[in-house]
Amino acid sequence: RRRTTKEQYHTLEASYMENPKPTSNTRRKLSSQLNMTTRGVQVWFQNRRAKSK
């Protein structure tokens, strides 16, 4: 398992603030931009939504 870098975290967090439920297309773009798997991005958003509850 890999942890997110600060840069990845800031980009994901900014994207989350814009839209907490991104489409698969948005997740795909983020994953290629951040050098993460699409599943990794999806799980990050799931965990972030759970954390905000």
N, C-alpha and C. Protein backbone atom coordinates (compact mmCIF):
# COMPACT_ATOMS: atom_id res chain seq x y z
N ARG A 1 0.84 -1.18 0.00
CA ARG A 1 0.00 0.00 0.00
C ARG A 1 0.88 1.23 0.00
N ARG A 2 0.50 2.22 -0.81
CA ARG A 2 1.28 3.45 -0.87
C ARG A 2 0.49 4.59 -0.28
N ARG A 3 1.18 5.44 0.43
CA ARG A 3 0.55 6.63 0.98
C ARG A 3 0.57 7.72 -0.07
N THR A 4 -0.36 8.65 0.05
CA THR A 4 -0.37 9.76 -0.91
C THR A 4 0.69 10.77 -0.51
N THR A 5 1.31 11.37 -1.51
CA THR A 5 2.29 12.42 -1.25
C THR A 5 1.53 13.71 -0.91
N LYS A 6 2.26 14.70 -0.45
CA LYS A 6 1.63 15.99 -0.12
C LYS A 6 0.97 16.59 -1.36
N GLU A 7 1.65 16.49 -2.49
CA GLU A 7 1.11 17.06 -3.74
C GLU A 7 -0.18 16.34 -4.13
N GLN A 8 -0.16 15.01 -4.05
CA GLN A 8 -1.36 14.24 -4.38
C GLN A 8 -2.49 14.62 -3.44
N TYR A 9 -2.17 14.71 -2.15
CA TYR A 9 -3.18 15.04 -1.15
C TYR A 9 -3.82 16.39 -1.44
N HIS A 10 -3.00 17.40 -1.72
CA HIS A 10 -3.54 18.74 -1.97
C HIS A 10 -4.41 18.77 -3.22
N THR A 11 -4.01 18.07 -4.26
CA THR A 11 -4.80 18.01 -5.48
C THR A 11 -6.12 17.28 -5.24
N LEU A 12 -6.06 16.15 -4.55
CA LEU A 12 -7.27 15.40 -4.26
C LEU A 12 -8.21 16.20 -3.36
N GLU A 13 -7.65 16.87 -2.37
CA GLU A 13 -8.46 17.66 -1.44
C GLU A 13 -9.15 18.82 -2.17
N ALA A 14 -8.42 19.48 -3.07
CA ALA A 14 -9.01 20.58 -3.84
C ALA A 14 -10.13 20.05 -4.73
N SER A 15 -9.91 18.90 -5.33
CA SER A 15 -10.93 18.29 -6.17
C SER A 15 -12.14 17.89 -5.34
N TYR A 16 -11.91 17.40 -4.14
CA TYR A 16 -13.00 17.01 -3.24
C TYR A 16 -13.85 18.23 -2.87
N MET A 17 -13.20 19.37 -2.63
CA MET A 17 -13.94 20.58 -2.27
C MET A 17 -14.84 21.04 -3.42
N GLU A 18 -14.39 20.83 -4.64
CA GLU A 18 -15.21 21.17 -5.81
C GLU A 18 -16.37 20.20 -5.96
N ASN A 19 -16.08 18.91 -5.81
CA ASN A 19 -17.10 17.89 -6.01
C ASN A 19 -16.72 16.64 -5.21
N PRO A 20 -17.46 16.35 -4.12
CA PRO A 20 -17.12 15.18 -3.31
C PRO A 20 -17.44 13.84 -3.97
N LYS A 21 -18.22 13.86 -5.06
CA LYS A 21 -18.55 12.61 -5.76
C LYS A 21 -18.18 12.75 -7.24
N PRO A 22 -16.91 12.59 -7.57
CA PRO A 22 -16.48 12.76 -8.96
C PRO A 22 -16.95 11.63 -9.86
N THR A 23 -17.13 11.95 -11.12
CA THR A 23 -17.51 10.93 -12.10
C THR A 23 -16.29 10.03 -12.38
N SER A 24 -16.55 8.92 -13.04
CA SER A 24 -15.44 8.01 -13.36
C SER A 24 -14.44 8.69 -14.29
N ASN A 25 -14.95 9.56 -15.16
CA ASN A 25 -14.06 10.28 -16.06
C ASN A 25 -13.13 11.21 -15.28
N THR A 26 -13.68 11.91 -14.31
CA THR A 26 -12.87 12.80 -13.47
C THR A 26 -11.84 12.00 -12.68
N ARG A 27 -12.26 10.86 -12.15
CA ARG A 27 -11.33 10.00 -11.40
C ARG A 27 -10.21 9.50 -12.30
N ARG A 28 -10.55 9.18 -13.55
CA ARG A 28 -9.53 8.71 -14.49
C ARG A 28 -8.51 9.80 -14.76
N LYS A 29 -8.99 11.03 -14.97
CA LYS A 29 -8.08 12.15 -15.22
C LYS A 29 -7.17 12.40 -14.01
N LEU A 30 -7.77 12.39 -12.82
CA LEU A 30 -6.97 12.59 -11.61
C LEU A 30 -5.92 11.50 -11.45
N SER A 31 -6.30 10.26 -11.71
CA SER A 31 -5.36 9.15 -11.52
C SER A 31 -4.15 9.28 -12.46
N SER A 32 -4.39 9.67 -13.70
CA SER A 32 -3.25 9.80 -14.62
C SER A 32 -2.41 11.02 -14.25
N GLN A 33 -3.07 12.08 -13.81
CA GLN A 33 -2.37 13.31 -13.43
C GLN A 33 -1.50 13.07 -12.18
N LEU A 34 -2.00 12.25 -11.25
CA LEU A 34 -1.32 12.06 -9.97
C LEU A 34 -0.50 10.78 -9.90
N ASN A 35 -0.48 10.03 -11.00
CA ASN A 35 0.27 8.76 -11.03
C ASN A 35 -0.25 7.80 -9.96
N MET A 36 -1.58 7.69 -9.89
CA MET A 36 -2.24 6.76 -8.97
C MET A 36 -3.14 5.86 -9.80
N THR A 37 -3.60 4.76 -9.21
CA THR A 37 -4.58 3.93 -9.91
C THR A 37 -5.95 4.58 -9.78
N THR A 38 -6.84 4.28 -10.72
CA THR A 38 -8.20 4.83 -10.62
C THR A 38 -8.87 4.29 -9.35
N ARG A 39 -8.57 3.05 -9.02
CA ARG A 39 -9.13 2.47 -7.79
C ARG A 39 -8.61 3.21 -6.56
N GLY A 40 -7.34 3.57 -6.57
CA GLY A 40 -6.76 4.32 -5.46
C GLY A 40 -7.44 5.66 -5.27
N VAL A 41 -7.75 6.33 -6.37
CA VAL A 41 -8.45 7.62 -6.31
C VAL A 41 -9.86 7.40 -5.79
N GLN A 42 -10.52 6.36 -6.28
CA GLN A 42 -11.88 6.06 -5.84
C GLN A 42 -11.92 5.79 -4.34
N VAL A 43 -11.00 5.00 -3.85
CA VAL A 43 -10.94 4.67 -2.43
C VAL A 43 -10.64 5.92 -1.61
N TRP A 44 -9.75 6.79 -2.11
CA TRP A 44 -9.44 8.02 -1.39
C TRP A 44 -10.70 8.85 -1.21
N PHE A 45 -11.51 8.99 -2.27
CA PHE A 45 -12.75 9.76 -2.17
C PHE A 45 -13.74 9.09 -1.22
N GLN A 46 -13.83 7.78 -1.26
CA GLN A 46 -14.73 7.06 -0.34
C GLN A 46 -14.31 7.33 1.11
N ASN A 47 -13.01 7.21 1.37
CA ASN A 47 -12.51 7.43 2.72
C ASN A 47 -12.71 8.88 3.15
N ARG A 48 -12.51 9.81 2.23
CA ARG A 48 -12.66 11.24 2.56
C ARG A 48 -14.11 11.57 2.88
N ARG A 49 -15.04 10.98 2.12
CA ARG A 49 -16.46 11.21 2.40
C ARG A 49 -16.83 10.64 3.77
N ALA A 50 -16.29 9.47 4.09
CA ALA A 50 -16.57 8.86 5.40
C ALA A 50 -15.99 9.71 6.53
N LYS A 51 -14.83 10.28 6.29
CA LYS A 51 -14.17 11.12 7.29
C LYS A 51 -14.96 12.39 7.57
N SER A 52 -15.65 12.90 6.56
CA SER A 52 -16.37 14.17 6.73
C SER A 52 -17.71 14.00 7.44
N LYS A 53 -18.13 12.75 7.65
CA LYS A 53 -19.42 12.51 8.33
C LYS A 53 -19.33 12.84 9.81
